[in-house]
Amino acid sequence: MKPRNLAIITLAMAMSAASAAESPRIVNLYNFIRNSDYRLNDSENVLLNATRSQIDLIKPTGLPATWALQYDALINPKYQELLKQIPPNHEIGAWWEIPRPLVEKAGVKWRGHNHEWDSAANIGFSPGYTPDERRRLVDIYMADFKKIYGKYPKSAGSWFIDEVTLDHMVKRYGIVASCNCKDQIGTDGYTLWGGYWNQAYYPSKLNAYMPAQTAAGGIAVPVFRMLGSDPIYQYGRVNGMFTLEPVYGNSGGSEPWARWFFRNMIEQPALAFAYTQAGQENSFGWDAMKTGLTMQVALLEKESKAGRIRVMTLAEAGAWFKSRHPLTPPTAVVCIDDWKNEGRGTVWYNSRFYRMNLLWEKGALLIRDIHRFDEKIVSVTHDKPLTANSLTYGTLPVMDGSLWSDKQRAAAVPVAIGPDNAASALVPDGPPVVRELKSTDLGITQPLAAGGTLHIALRETSAVFSCQSADGSPQRWAWDLTGGDAQKRALKEVTPSRVTYHGNNSDYEIRIDAGSGTFEQPADGSIRILADSKGRIILKLGGF
């Protein structure tokens, strides 16, 4: 396949009213509010003006929106007066960064700089405090919120909220939704990597970043992923930001990019539902966000009136999720084309057991990412405070196209195995067909340049692959997983039926269904998953 725009074909481009109800495209207009920002001159006035201008922009559209208050903004009478102007279909929620007034009112020593708010992870975020201090901070905030607004907030968001805090907010104060930062490595000192890609998940009671596999092991609040990541280019360490945030001119601030993003979100398979978060934090100021946000709000108003998206508050999205999904459902993010016109396309699949990302790039197909989830993995800050000024949370890598790449790119590549056991790449011939097989399963059919077809079915606990030659007979083929030195360090043991890894202070494994393939370890230290005589591989990634 020559480099060109990759069109990922779907069986049905337009959703019927019934399918839209079953698998809605949900957007939160979510704007969080700080009172001041030490990085800006005259920050209190700049931030207040930004929020006022956002309200003035959104209010005439009739679209719901969420205004999430950091404690220092919560207690400022100017914001209390301003938020009296919002319509009844808007929500006032909690933004869970920890400013100095909240810390001191809770009787905890402020360890930050001489500012009202400090962005260091161990000061401005809940993991930087002991479990008892975390609960006390929540109690103070909730008491003051209720004193001002007559009720507790129904949602709480942050770049990251720990599981002790979330559990306390749910059990004592009844929040129904939360949100956290998109997956990223090192941005602003925050690394969240390997988690449920986009959409929403129920977090483990032991680890707020880790999706839970059971209701008993999870916290009963969905955590939505923020910021609207570009599914192709916002991956790992990147130069620049490729998100829906309207301050970024090459993505969220660009009308062609925003139209591309929403078109793919609306028209492509998503399984249970599709989701994104629009809006902007007020710290950027109105001048930086007004062009992009004005453009996006107009797009959202048009798509909402057409019935192609459902704009909700964060609390409404959480209530919808909880009413339909007692456990985290499988979802997908499918990118139909490449806005850069460089021949790339991608499919993300998530379940409560794992995530997988396939990438089409310059005439090749590869698996860029596989991470497993395990609710029994205890967060490093579960029972002790974070001491570093940055935070890092991860899951269980099986393939990591970012952190495992060095001189050699980390990826799983499909290869044909010849009579002499020599491997040659299985090259795509044209675009794949991507479709929903059922509510939990995503199917991908990829024609091959040498003839034949590669079939992929992504299921809740497993990935099923089969490959046929041009004459319809089973292809002798394999997935070759190569990750350089990082992969070798993660590997513990390779047997014909399982591979054992060690990462994030945990042992974990993947398996092959009996009689459906074999694990091998070539001399170069990579992993080969060889298909059975019928051309099948059934890779088990959960449920064992």
Protein backbone atom coordinates (compact mmCIF):
# COMPACT_ATOMS: atom_id res chain seq x y z
CA MET A 1 0.00 0.00 0.00
CA LYS A 2 1.56 3.27 -1.13
CA PRO A 3 1.62 6.22 1.29
CA ARG A 4 -1.64 8.11 0.87
CA ASN A 5 -4.76 9.08 2.79
CA LEU A 6 -5.91 5.93 4.53
CA ALA A 7 -9.66 5.40 4.25
CA ILE A 8 -10.85 2.96 6.89
CA ILE A 9 -14.07 1.67 5.42
CA THR A 10 -17.07 1.01 7.60
CA LEU A 11 -20.18 -0.92 6.70
CA ALA A 12 -22.48 1.94 7.67
CA MET A 13 -21.37 5.55 7.68
CA ALA A 14 -24.58 7.03 9.04
CA MET A 15 -25.98 5.98 12.38
CA SER A 16 -29.69 5.25 12.60
CA ALA A 17 -31.70 6.81 15.41
CA ALA A 18 -31.74 3.45 17.18
CA SER A 19 -27.99 2.91 16.97
CA ALA A 20 -27.36 6.50 18.05
CA ALA A 21 -29.38 5.85 21.18
CA GLU A 22 -27.52 2.61 21.88
CA SER A 23 -24.07 4.06 21.12
CA PRO A 24 -24.30 7.84 21.56
CA ARG A 25 -21.56 10.31 20.72
CA ILE A 26 -21.21 12.25 23.99
CA VAL A 27 -19.44 15.59 24.43
CA ASN A 28 -18.78 17.41 27.70
CA LEU A 29 -18.25 21.17 27.52
CA TYR A 30 -16.02 21.16 30.59
CA ASN A 31 -14.36 24.34 31.83
CA PHE A 32 -12.39 24.32 35.04
CA ILE A 33 -11.75 27.43 37.04
CA ARG A 34 -8.77 28.53 39.08
CA ASN A 35 -8.85 31.80 41.01
CA SER A 36 -5.25 32.78 40.28
CA ASP A 37 -2.16 31.52 38.47
CA TYR A 38 1.34 32.56 39.54
CA ARG A 39 2.52 32.20 35.92
CA LEU A 40 0.41 35.17 34.74
CA ASN A 41 0.44 38.87 35.42
CA ASP A 42 -2.78 40.20 36.93
CA SER A 43 -3.96 36.60 36.97
CA GLU A 44 -7.11 37.02 39.06
CA ASN A 45 -8.61 39.46 36.57
CA VAL A 46 -7.36 37.50 33.55
CA LEU A 47 -8.90 34.26 34.78
CA LEU A 48 -12.18 35.84 35.88
CA ASN A 49 -12.55 37.51 32.48
CA ALA A 50 -11.86 34.22 30.71
CA THR A 51 -14.63 32.44 32.62
CA ARG A 52 -17.06 35.32 32.09
CA SER A 53 -16.34 35.26 28.35
CA GLN A 54 -16.80 31.48 28.19
CA ILE A 55 -20.22 31.79 29.86
CA ASP A 56 -21.19 34.58 27.45
CA LEU A 57 -20.18 32.37 24.50
CA ILE A 58 -21.93 29.15 25.56
CA LYS A 59 -25.08 30.49 27.23
CA PRO A 60 -26.92 31.65 24.05
CA THR A 61 -26.47 28.21 22.39
CA GLY A 62 -28.53 26.38 25.00
CA LEU A 63 -25.83 23.71 25.23
CA PRO A 64 -25.17 22.19 28.68
CA ALA A 65 -21.79 22.92 30.24
CA THR A 66 -19.88 22.10 33.41
CA TRP A 67 -18.04 24.73 35.44
CA ALA A 68 -15.60 23.04 37.79
CA LEU A 69 -14.37 25.14 40.70
CA GLN A 70 -11.01 24.87 42.38
CA TYR A 71 -11.38 25.71 46.09
CA ASP A 72 -9.84 29.18 45.80
CA ALA A 73 -12.41 30.06 43.10
CA LEU A 74 -15.21 28.37 45.05
CA ILE A 75 -14.77 30.74 48.00
CA ASN A 76 -14.29 33.90 45.90
CA PRO A 77 -17.55 35.94 45.97
CA LYS A 78 -16.83 37.16 42.44
CA TYR A 79 -17.19 33.64 41.05
CA GLN A 80 -20.23 33.00 43.23
CA GLU A 81 -21.89 36.04 41.69
CA LEU A 82 -20.72 35.18 38.15
CA LEU A 83 -22.06 31.63 38.28
CA LYS A 84 -25.52 32.89 39.20
CA GLN A 85 -25.75 33.75 35.49
CA ILE A 86 -25.45 30.20 34.18
CA PRO A 87 -28.60 28.45 32.85
CA PRO A 88 -30.35 25.64 34.77
CA ASN A 89 -28.96 23.01 32.39
CA HIS A 90 -25.40 23.90 33.39
CA GLU A 91 -23.54 22.19 36.25
CA ILE A 92 -21.19 23.47 38.93
CA GLY A 93 -18.70 20.78 39.87
CA ALA A 94 -15.43 20.44 41.75
CA TRP A 95 -11.97 20.85 40.23
CA TRP A 96 -9.64 18.83 42.41
CA GLU A 97 -6.35 20.68 42.47
CA ILE A 98 -5.32 21.57 46.00
CA PRO A 99 -4.66 25.29 46.64
CA ARG A 100 -3.20 26.86 49.72
CA PRO A 101 -6.50 28.11 51.29
CA LEU A 102 -7.90 24.57 51.31
CA VAL A 103 -4.72 23.04 52.72
CA GLU A 104 -4.49 25.53 55.54
CA LYS A 105 -8.19 25.34 56.41
CA ALA A 106 -7.76 21.56 56.72
CA GLY A 107 -4.98 22.14 59.26
CA VAL A 108 -2.22 20.88 56.98
CA LYS A 109 1.07 22.70 56.50
CA TRP A 110 1.41 24.32 53.06
CA ARG A 111 4.56 22.99 51.43
CA GLY A 112 4.35 24.95 48.21
CA HIS A 113 5.80 28.22 47.05
CA ASN A 114 4.37 31.48 48.31
CA HIS A 115 1.45 31.30 45.91
CA GLU A 116 -2.23 30.51 46.32
CA TRP A 117 -1.73 27.50 44.02
CA ASP A 118 1.34 25.39 43.16
CA SER A 119 1.41 23.09 40.12
CA ALA A 120 3.94 20.61 41.58
CA ALA A 121 2.30 17.17 41.67
CA ASN A 122 3.00 16.50 45.34
CA ILE A 123 1.47 19.85 46.36
CA GLY A 124 -1.28 20.63 43.88
CA PHE A 125 -2.71 17.10 43.60
CA SER A 126 -4.31 14.74 46.08
CA PRO A 127 -1.65 11.95 45.97
CA GLY A 128 0.77 14.42 47.66
CA TYR A 129 -1.15 14.07 50.93
CA THR A 130 -1.66 11.21 53.37
CA PRO A 131 -4.92 9.24 53.06
CA ASP A 132 -6.31 10.93 56.18
CA GLU A 133 -5.35 14.35 54.85
CA ARG A 134 -6.99 13.55 51.49
CA ARG A 135 -10.30 12.77 53.18
CA ARG A 136 -10.06 15.89 55.34
CA LEU A 137 -9.47 18.06 52.26
CA VAL A 138 -12.59 16.59 50.67
CA ASP A 139 -14.67 17.21 53.81
CA ILE A 140 -13.65 20.88 53.98
CA TYR A 141 -14.35 21.48 50.30
CA MET A 142 -17.72 19.72 50.36
CA ALA A 143 -18.88 21.55 53.47
CA ASP A 144 -18.09 24.92 51.94
CA PHE A 145 -19.58 23.98 48.56
CA LYS A 146 -22.84 22.99 50.24
CA LYS A 147 -22.84 26.17 52.32
CA ILE A 148 -22.59 28.22 49.13
CA TYR A 149 -24.76 26.23 46.71
CA GLY A 150 -27.06 24.31 49.04
CA LYS A 151 -25.97 20.87 47.81
CA TYR A 152 -22.87 18.83 47.12
CA PRO A 153 -21.30 18.74 43.63
CA LYS A 154 -22.14 15.69 41.51
CA SER A 155 -18.80 15.58 39.70
CA ALA A 156 -15.13 16.12 40.49
CA GLY A 157 -12.30 16.33 37.99
CA SER A 158 -8.55 16.84 37.94
CA TRP A 159 -5.49 15.90 35.96
CA PHE A 160 -5.39 13.04 38.45
CA ILE A 161 -7.40 12.10 41.56
CA ASP A 162 -6.26 9.17 43.69
CA GLU A 163 -8.50 6.24 44.59
CA VAL A 164 -8.74 7.08 48.31
CA THR A 165 -10.11 10.52 47.47
CA LEU A 166 -12.47 9.21 44.78
CA ASP A 167 -13.86 6.50 47.03
CA HIS A 168 -14.50 9.04 49.80
CA MET A 169 -16.23 11.42 47.39
CA VAL A 170 -18.49 8.63 46.15
CA LYS A 171 -19.41 7.04 49.46
CA ARG A 172 -19.87 10.17 51.59
CA TYR A 173 -20.89 12.80 49.07
CA GLY A 174 -22.43 10.88 46.18
CA ILE A 175 -20.49 12.12 43.18
CA VAL A 176 -21.54 10.30 40.00
CA ALA A 177 -18.72 11.27 37.62
CA SER A 178 -15.05 12.16 37.55
CA CYS A 179 -12.50 12.95 34.86
CA ASN A 180 -8.74 12.80 34.54
CA CYS A 181 -6.03 13.75 32.07
CA LYS A 182 -5.50 12.09 28.71
CA ASP A 183 -2.64 9.61 28.39
CA GLN A 184 0.67 11.46 28.16
CA ILE A 185 4.33 11.11 29.07
CA GLY A 186 6.02 13.91 30.99
CA THR A 187 3.78 16.82 29.97
CA ASP A 188 3.77 19.36 32.82
CA GLY A 189 5.45 16.70 34.96
CA TYR A 190 2.47 14.32 34.77
CA THR A 191 2.79 10.86 33.22
CA LEU A 192 -0.33 8.76 32.81
CA TRP A 193 0.50 5.92 30.45
CA GLY A 194 -1.10 2.66 29.36
CA GLY A 195 -4.62 3.33 30.64
CA TYR A 196 -8.11 3.08 29.17
CA TRP A 197 -7.74 5.12 25.98
CA ASN A 198 -10.36 7.86 25.93
CA GLN A 199 -14.04 7.24 26.84
CA ALA A 200 -14.51 6.20 30.51
CA TYR A 201 -13.80 3.40 33.00
CA TYR A 202 -14.55 2.32 36.54
CA PRO A 203 -11.27 2.60 38.50
CA SER A 204 -9.83 0.01 40.87
CA LYS A 205 -10.25 0.60 44.60
CA LEU A 206 -6.48 0.18 44.86
CA ASN A 207 -5.42 2.28 41.89
CA ALA A 208 -7.43 5.12 40.35
CA TYR A 209 -5.59 4.89 37.03
CA MET A 210 -6.18 1.13 36.65
CA PRO A 211 -9.55 -0.05 35.26
CA ALA A 212 -11.31 -2.54 37.54
CA GLN A 213 -12.37 -5.93 36.21
CA THR A 214 -15.09 -6.52 38.83
CA ALA A 215 -17.71 -4.41 40.56
CA ALA A 216 -16.39 -5.53 43.94
CA GLY A 217 -12.88 -4.42 43.03
CA GLY A 218 -13.89 -1.06 41.61
CA ILE A 219 -15.08 2.37 42.71
CA ALA A 220 -18.64 3.07 41.56
CA VAL A 221 -17.86 6.23 39.61
CA PRO A 222 -16.88 6.44 35.92
CA VAL A 223 -13.69 8.36 35.18
CA PHE A 224 -13.82 10.10 31.79
CA ARG A 225 -10.60 10.85 29.91
CA MET A 226 -10.08 14.54 29.19
CA LEU A 227 -8.81 16.74 26.39
CA GLY A 228 -9.76 14.89 23.19
CA SER A 229 -6.53 13.24 22.07
CA ASP A 230 -5.68 12.90 18.39
CA PRO A 231 -5.85 9.08 18.05
CA ILE A 232 -2.97 8.98 15.55
CA TYR A 233 -0.52 11.63 16.68
CA GLN A 234 -1.12 12.21 20.40
CA TYR A 235 0.82 9.10 21.40
CA GLY A 236 3.76 8.89 23.80
CA ARG A 237 6.42 11.57 23.64
CA VAL A 238 5.34 14.06 21.00
CA ASN A 239 6.54 17.44 19.78
CA GLY A 240 3.63 19.74 20.44
CA MET A 241 0.09 18.94 21.53
CA PHE A 242 -2.52 17.28 19.34
CA THR A 243 -5.71 17.58 21.34
CA LEU A 244 -9.12 19.26 21.20
CA GLU A 245 -7.93 22.06 23.49
CA PRO A 246 -8.76 25.22 21.50
CA VAL A 247 -5.53 27.00 22.40
CA TYR A 248 -3.50 24.69 20.14
CA GLY A 249 -3.58 26.11 16.62
CA ASN A 250 -2.51 22.92 14.82
CA SER A 251 -5.27 20.82 16.40
CA GLY A 252 -8.14 22.04 18.61
CA GLY A 253 -7.76 25.62 17.40
CA SER A 254 -7.82 24.55 13.76
CA GLU A 255 -11.26 24.27 12.14
CA PRO A 256 -10.16 21.62 9.56
CA TRP A 257 -8.65 19.51 12.35
CA ALA A 258 -11.72 19.92 14.58
CA ARG A 259 -14.05 18.92 11.74
CA TRP A 260 -11.84 15.88 11.03
CA PHE A 261 -11.88 14.94 14.71
CA PHE A 262 -15.66 15.19 15.15
CA ARG A 263 -16.38 13.50 11.80
CA ASN A 264 -14.40 10.43 12.86
CA MET A 265 -15.94 10.45 16.33
CA ILE A 266 -19.47 10.62 14.90
CA GLU A 267 -19.24 8.32 11.89
CA GLN A 268 -16.89 5.54 12.91
CA PRO A 269 -17.59 2.46 15.06
CA ALA A 270 -17.34 3.11 18.80
CA LEU A 271 -19.09 0.06 20.36
CA ALA A 272 -20.70 1.21 23.65
CA PHE A 273 -20.29 4.95 23.02
CA ALA A 274 -17.91 7.63 21.81
CA TYR A 275 -16.81 10.50 24.02
CA THR A 276 -14.75 13.65 24.07
CA GLN A 277 -14.25 16.66 26.33
CA ALA A 278 -14.36 20.15 24.86
CA GLY A 279 -13.86 23.42 26.73
CA GLN A 280 -10.78 25.04 28.24
CA GLU A 281 -9.22 25.83 31.61
CA ASN A 282 -9.34 29.53 32.40
CA SER A 283 -5.59 29.79 33.08
CA PHE A 284 -4.92 30.25 29.35
CA GLY A 285 -6.91 33.49 29.30
CA TRP A 286 -9.65 34.48 26.88
CA ASP A 287 -7.40 35.93 24.17
CA ALA A 288 -5.63 32.58 23.70
CA MET A 289 -8.79 30.45 23.57
CA LYS A 290 -11.50 32.65 22.04
CA THR A 291 -10.93 31.86 18.34
CA GLY A 292 -10.70 28.10 18.78
CA LEU A 293 -13.42 27.82 21.41
CA THR A 294 -15.84 30.01 19.44
CA MET A 295 -15.30 27.80 16.39
CA GLN A 296 -15.77 24.58 18.39
CA VAL A 297 -18.92 25.74 20.17
CA ALA A 298 -20.47 26.60 16.81
CA LEU A 299 -19.61 23.10 15.52
CA LEU A 300 -21.03 21.47 18.64
CA GLU A 301 -24.24 23.52 18.42
CA LYS A 302 -24.72 22.45 14.79
CA GLU A 303 -24.01 18.74 15.43
CA SER A 304 -26.19 18.73 18.53
CA LYS A 305 -29.15 20.24 16.67
CA ALA A 306 -28.64 17.63 13.93
CA GLY A 307 -28.84 14.87 16.55
CA ARG A 308 -25.38 13.53 15.73
CA ILE A 309 -23.92 14.24 19.18
CA ARG A 310 -25.28 14.58 22.72
CA VAL A 311 -23.78 17.44 24.71
CA MET A 312 -24.05 16.68 28.43
CA THR A 313 -22.71 17.96 31.69
CA LEU A 314 -20.09 15.70 33.25
CA ALA A 315 -22.60 14.61 35.91
CA GLU A 316 -25.19 13.76 33.23
CA ALA A 317 -22.60 11.70 31.35
CA GLY A 318 -21.71 9.87 34.56
CA ALA A 319 -25.35 9.14 35.36
CA TRP A 320 -25.91 7.87 31.80
CA PHE A 321 -22.86 5.61 32.04
CA LYS A 322 -23.84 4.18 35.44
CA SER A 323 -27.42 3.50 34.32
CA ARG A 324 -26.25 1.35 31.40
CA HIS A 325 -22.91 -0.15 32.33
CA PRO A 326 -22.40 -1.90 35.68
CA LEU A 327 -18.88 -2.75 34.49
CA THR A 328 -16.55 -0.86 32.17
CA PRO A 329 -17.74 -1.60 28.62
CA PRO A 330 -15.58 -2.22 25.56
CA THR A 331 -15.23 0.86 23.37
CA ALA A 332 -13.32 1.77 20.24
CA VAL A 333 -11.77 4.87 18.67
CA VAL A 334 -11.48 4.54 14.90
CA CYS A 335 -9.74 7.19 12.81
CA ILE A 336 -11.00 7.16 9.24
CA ASP A 337 -8.23 9.17 7.59
CA ASP A 338 -5.06 11.15 8.19
CA TRP A 339 -5.44 14.91 8.48
CA LYS A 340 -1.73 15.25 7.64
CA ASN A 341 -2.23 13.30 4.38
CA GLU A 342 0.70 11.05 5.25
CA GLY A 343 -1.02 7.69 4.88
CA ARG A 344 -1.74 6.86 8.52
CA GLY A 345 -4.83 5.54 10.24
CA THR A 346 -5.54 3.90 13.56
CA VAL A 347 -7.90 1.76 15.61
CA TRP A 348 -8.00 1.79 19.41
CA TYR A 349 -9.84 -0.94 21.31
CA ASN A 350 -10.46 -0.82 25.07
CA SER A 351 -12.05 -3.24 27.49
CA ARG A 352 -11.81 -3.55 31.25
CA PHE A 353 -9.03 -6.11 30.66
CA TYR A 354 -6.73 -4.47 28.11
CA ARG A 355 -6.18 -1.85 25.43
CA MET A 356 -4.79 -2.40 21.94
CA ASN A 357 -3.81 0.05 19.21
CA LEU A 358 -3.35 -0.83 15.54
CA LEU A 359 -1.58 1.64 13.26
CA TRP A 360 -1.47 1.80 9.47
CA GLU A 361 1.59 3.77 8.46
CA LYS A 362 3.26 4.31 5.09
CA GLY A 363 2.16 1.04 3.59
CA ALA A 364 2.56 -1.10 6.71
CA LEU A 365 0.31 -2.45 9.46
CA LEU A 366 1.52 -2.85 13.01
CA ILE A 367 0.27 -3.15 16.57
CA ARG A 368 1.69 -0.08 18.28
CA ASP A 369 0.42 -0.69 21.79
CA ILE A 370 -0.96 -3.40 24.10
CA HIS A 371 -1.41 -2.84 27.84
CA ARG A 372 -3.13 -5.18 30.27
CA PHE A 373 -5.20 -4.04 33.27
CA ASP A 374 -5.34 -5.65 36.72
CA GLU A 375 -7.41 -4.23 39.59
CA LYS A 376 -5.19 -5.99 42.17
CA ILE A 377 -2.16 -3.80 41.33
CA VAL A 378 -1.76 -1.32 44.19
CA SER A 379 -0.90 2.28 43.33
CA VAL A 380 2.45 3.50 44.60
CA THR A 381 0.62 6.31 46.43
CA HIS A 382 -2.32 4.26 47.73
CA ASP A 383 -1.31 4.47 51.40
CA LYS A 384 1.56 6.96 51.35
CA PRO A 385 1.98 10.46 49.95
CA LEU A 386 3.79 11.30 46.75
CA THR A 387 7.06 13.06 47.55
CA ALA A 388 8.31 13.88 44.05
CA ASN A 389 7.15 17.01 42.24
CA SER A 390 6.00 14.91 39.27
CA LEU A 391 3.63 11.95 39.15
CA THR A 392 3.74 8.71 37.15
CA TYR A 393 1.03 6.06 36.91
CA GLY A 394 1.04 3.12 34.52
CA THR A 395 -0.50 -0.24 33.70
CA LEU A 396 1.02 -3.50 32.41
CA PRO A 397 2.79 -3.24 29.03
CA VAL A 398 2.81 -6.10 26.55
CA MET A 399 3.83 -3.84 23.68
CA ASP A 400 4.74 -0.19 24.20
CA GLY A 401 5.48 1.71 21.02
CA SER A 402 6.70 4.74 22.95
CA LEU A 403 8.59 3.65 26.07
CA TRP A 404 9.96 0.44 24.51
CA SER A 405 11.36 2.02 21.34
CA ASP A 406 15.08 2.75 21.21
CA LYS A 407 17.32 2.19 18.18
CA GLN A 408 14.66 -0.24 17.07
CA ARG A 409 11.01 0.72 16.95
CA ALA A 410 8.83 -1.26 19.35
CA ALA A 411 5.89 -2.85 17.54
CA ALA A 412 4.18 -6.11 16.66
CA VAL A 413 4.38 -6.75 12.91
CA PRO A 414 2.52 -9.46 10.95
CA VAL A 415 4.88 -11.65 8.91
CA ALA A 416 4.53 -14.55 6.48
CA ILE A 417 6.66 -17.56 7.36
CA GLY A 418 8.24 -19.24 4.33
CA PRO A 419 9.19 -22.91 3.88
CA ASP A 420 12.70 -22.10 5.13
CA ASN A 421 11.19 -20.29 8.17
CA ALA A 422 12.26 -16.93 6.78
CA ALA A 423 9.88 -14.10 7.68
CA SER A 424 8.59 -11.45 5.29
CA ALA A 425 6.17 -8.66 6.12
CA LEU A 426 2.48 -9.12 5.38
CA VAL A 427 1.83 -5.91 3.46
CA PRO A 428 -1.67 -4.36 3.36
CA ASP A 429 -3.35 -3.90 0.00
CA GLY A 430 -5.63 -0.92 0.30
CA PRO A 431 -7.70 0.06 3.30
CA PRO A 432 -9.14 -2.28 5.91
CA VAL A 433 -12.81 -2.75 6.68
CA VAL A 434 -13.66 -1.92 10.31
CA ARG A 435 -17.03 -2.93 11.74
CA GLU A 436 -18.82 -3.78 14.94
CA LEU A 437 -19.29 -7.56 15.18
CA LYS A 438 -21.48 -7.15 18.25
CA SER A 439 -21.74 -4.68 21.12
CA THR A 440 -18.44 -5.82 22.65
CA ASP A 441 -16.44 -6.96 19.61
CA LEU A 442 -14.69 -5.01 16.86
CA GLY A 443 -13.80 -6.64 13.55
CA ILE A 444 -11.03 -5.60 11.13
CA THR A 445 -10.56 -7.21 7.71
CA GLN A 446 -7.32 -6.34 5.90
CA PRO A 447 -6.67 -7.42 2.27
CA LEU A 448 -3.02 -8.28 1.65
CA ALA A 449 -0.78 -7.28 -1.26
CA ALA A 450 0.33 -10.89 -1.84
CA GLY A 451 -3.28 -12.01 -1.93
CA GLY A 452 -5.37 -13.31 0.91
CA THR A 453 -6.75 -11.57 3.96
CA LEU A 454 -5.87 -10.90 7.59
CA HIS A 455 -8.91 -11.00 9.90
CA ILE A 456 -8.86 -9.47 13.39
CA ALA A 457 -11.58 -9.72 16.05
CA LEU A 458 -10.95 -7.70 19.20
CA ARG A 459 -13.01 -9.14 22.07
CA GLU A 460 -13.36 -8.28 25.73
CA THR A 461 -10.67 -10.70 26.99
CA SER A 462 -8.88 -11.75 23.80
CA ALA A 463 -7.70 -10.80 20.32
CA VAL A 464 -8.46 -13.34 17.60
CA PHE A 465 -6.43 -13.33 14.39
CA SER A 466 -6.67 -15.49 11.27
CA CYS A 467 -4.95 -15.25 7.92
CA GLN A 468 -5.77 -16.88 4.58
CA SER A 469 -3.64 -17.09 1.45
CA ALA A 470 -4.88 -15.97 -1.95
CA ASP A 471 -6.35 -19.44 -2.63
CA GLY A 472 -8.25 -19.43 0.66
CA SER A 473 -5.96 -21.89 2.42
CA PRO A 474 -4.52 -21.09 5.87
CA GLN A 475 -1.50 -18.81 5.72
CA ARG A 476 1.61 -19.79 7.67
CA TRP A 477 2.25 -16.55 9.50
CA ALA A 478 3.08 -14.90 12.86
CA TRP A 479 3.14 -11.71 14.85
CA ASP A 480 6.73 -10.62 15.60
CA LEU A 481 6.91 -8.48 18.75
CA THR A 482 10.08 -6.43 18.95
CA GLY A 483 10.78 -3.86 21.60
CA GLY A 484 14.53 -3.49 21.93
CA ASP A 485 16.28 -3.53 25.28
CA ALA A 486 13.18 -2.36 27.18
CA GLN A 487 11.23 -5.39 26.02
CA LYS A 488 14.07 -7.70 26.99
CA ARG A 489 14.19 -6.17 30.47
CA ALA A 490 10.44 -6.67 30.88
CA LEU A 491 10.45 -10.33 29.80
CA LYS A 492 10.72 -13.00 32.47
CA GLU A 493 9.86 -16.21 30.63
CA VAL A 494 8.57 -17.39 27.26
CA THR A 495 6.89 -20.79 26.99
CA PRO A 496 4.80 -22.18 24.11
CA SER A 497 1.55 -21.22 25.87
CA ARG A 498 2.39 -18.07 27.85
CA VAL A 499 4.74 -15.10 28.21
CA THR A 500 5.49 -13.67 31.66
CA TYR A 501 6.57 -10.07 32.20
CA HIS A 502 7.63 -7.86 35.08
CA GLY A 503 6.76 -4.18 35.03
CA ASN A 504 5.34 -1.47 37.28
CA ASN A 505 6.45 -3.56 40.29
CA SER A 506 4.24 -6.45 39.19
CA ASP A 507 4.40 -9.82 37.45
CA TYR A 508 1.83 -10.43 34.74
CA GLU A 509 1.35 -12.57 31.64
CA ILE A 510 -0.39 -13.17 28.34
CA ARG A 511 -1.53 -16.56 27.08
CA ILE A 512 -2.45 -18.45 23.95
CA ASP A 513 -5.69 -20.42 23.81
CA ALA A 514 -4.90 -24.11 23.64
CA GLY A 515 -4.31 -25.24 20.05
CA SER A 516 -4.53 -21.72 18.57
CA GLY A 517 -0.89 -20.71 18.18
CA THR A 518 2.49 -20.88 19.90
CA PHE A 519 4.86 -18.43 21.56
CA GLU A 520 8.50 -18.64 20.49
CA GLN A 521 11.56 -16.60 21.41
CA PRO A 522 14.02 -16.02 18.55
CA ALA A 523 17.72 -15.55 19.23
CA ASP A 524 17.39 -11.75 19.07
CA GLY A 525 15.23 -11.75 22.22
CA SER A 526 12.00 -10.75 20.50
CA ILE A 527 8.75 -12.71 20.75
CA ARG A 528 7.07 -14.56 17.91
CA ILE A 529 3.43 -15.64 18.08
CA LEU A 530 3.15 -18.37 15.45
CA ALA A 531 -0.28 -19.24 14.04
CA ASP A 532 -1.65 -22.78 14.24
CA SER A 533 -2.20 -25.02 11.22
CA LYS A 534 -5.53 -23.28 10.53
CA GLY A 535 -3.84 -19.88 10.36
CA ARG A 536 -5.31 -18.79 13.73
CA ILE A 537 -3.95 -17.03 16.80
CA ILE A 538 -6.14 -16.49 19.87
CA LEU A 539 -4.25 -14.19 22.22
CA LYS A 540 -5.64 -14.16 25.75
CA LEU A 541 -5.29 -10.76 27.45
CA GLY A 542 -7.63 -11.12 30.43
CA GLY A 543 -10.14 -13.23 32.23
CA PHE A 544 -7.63 -15.74 33.59
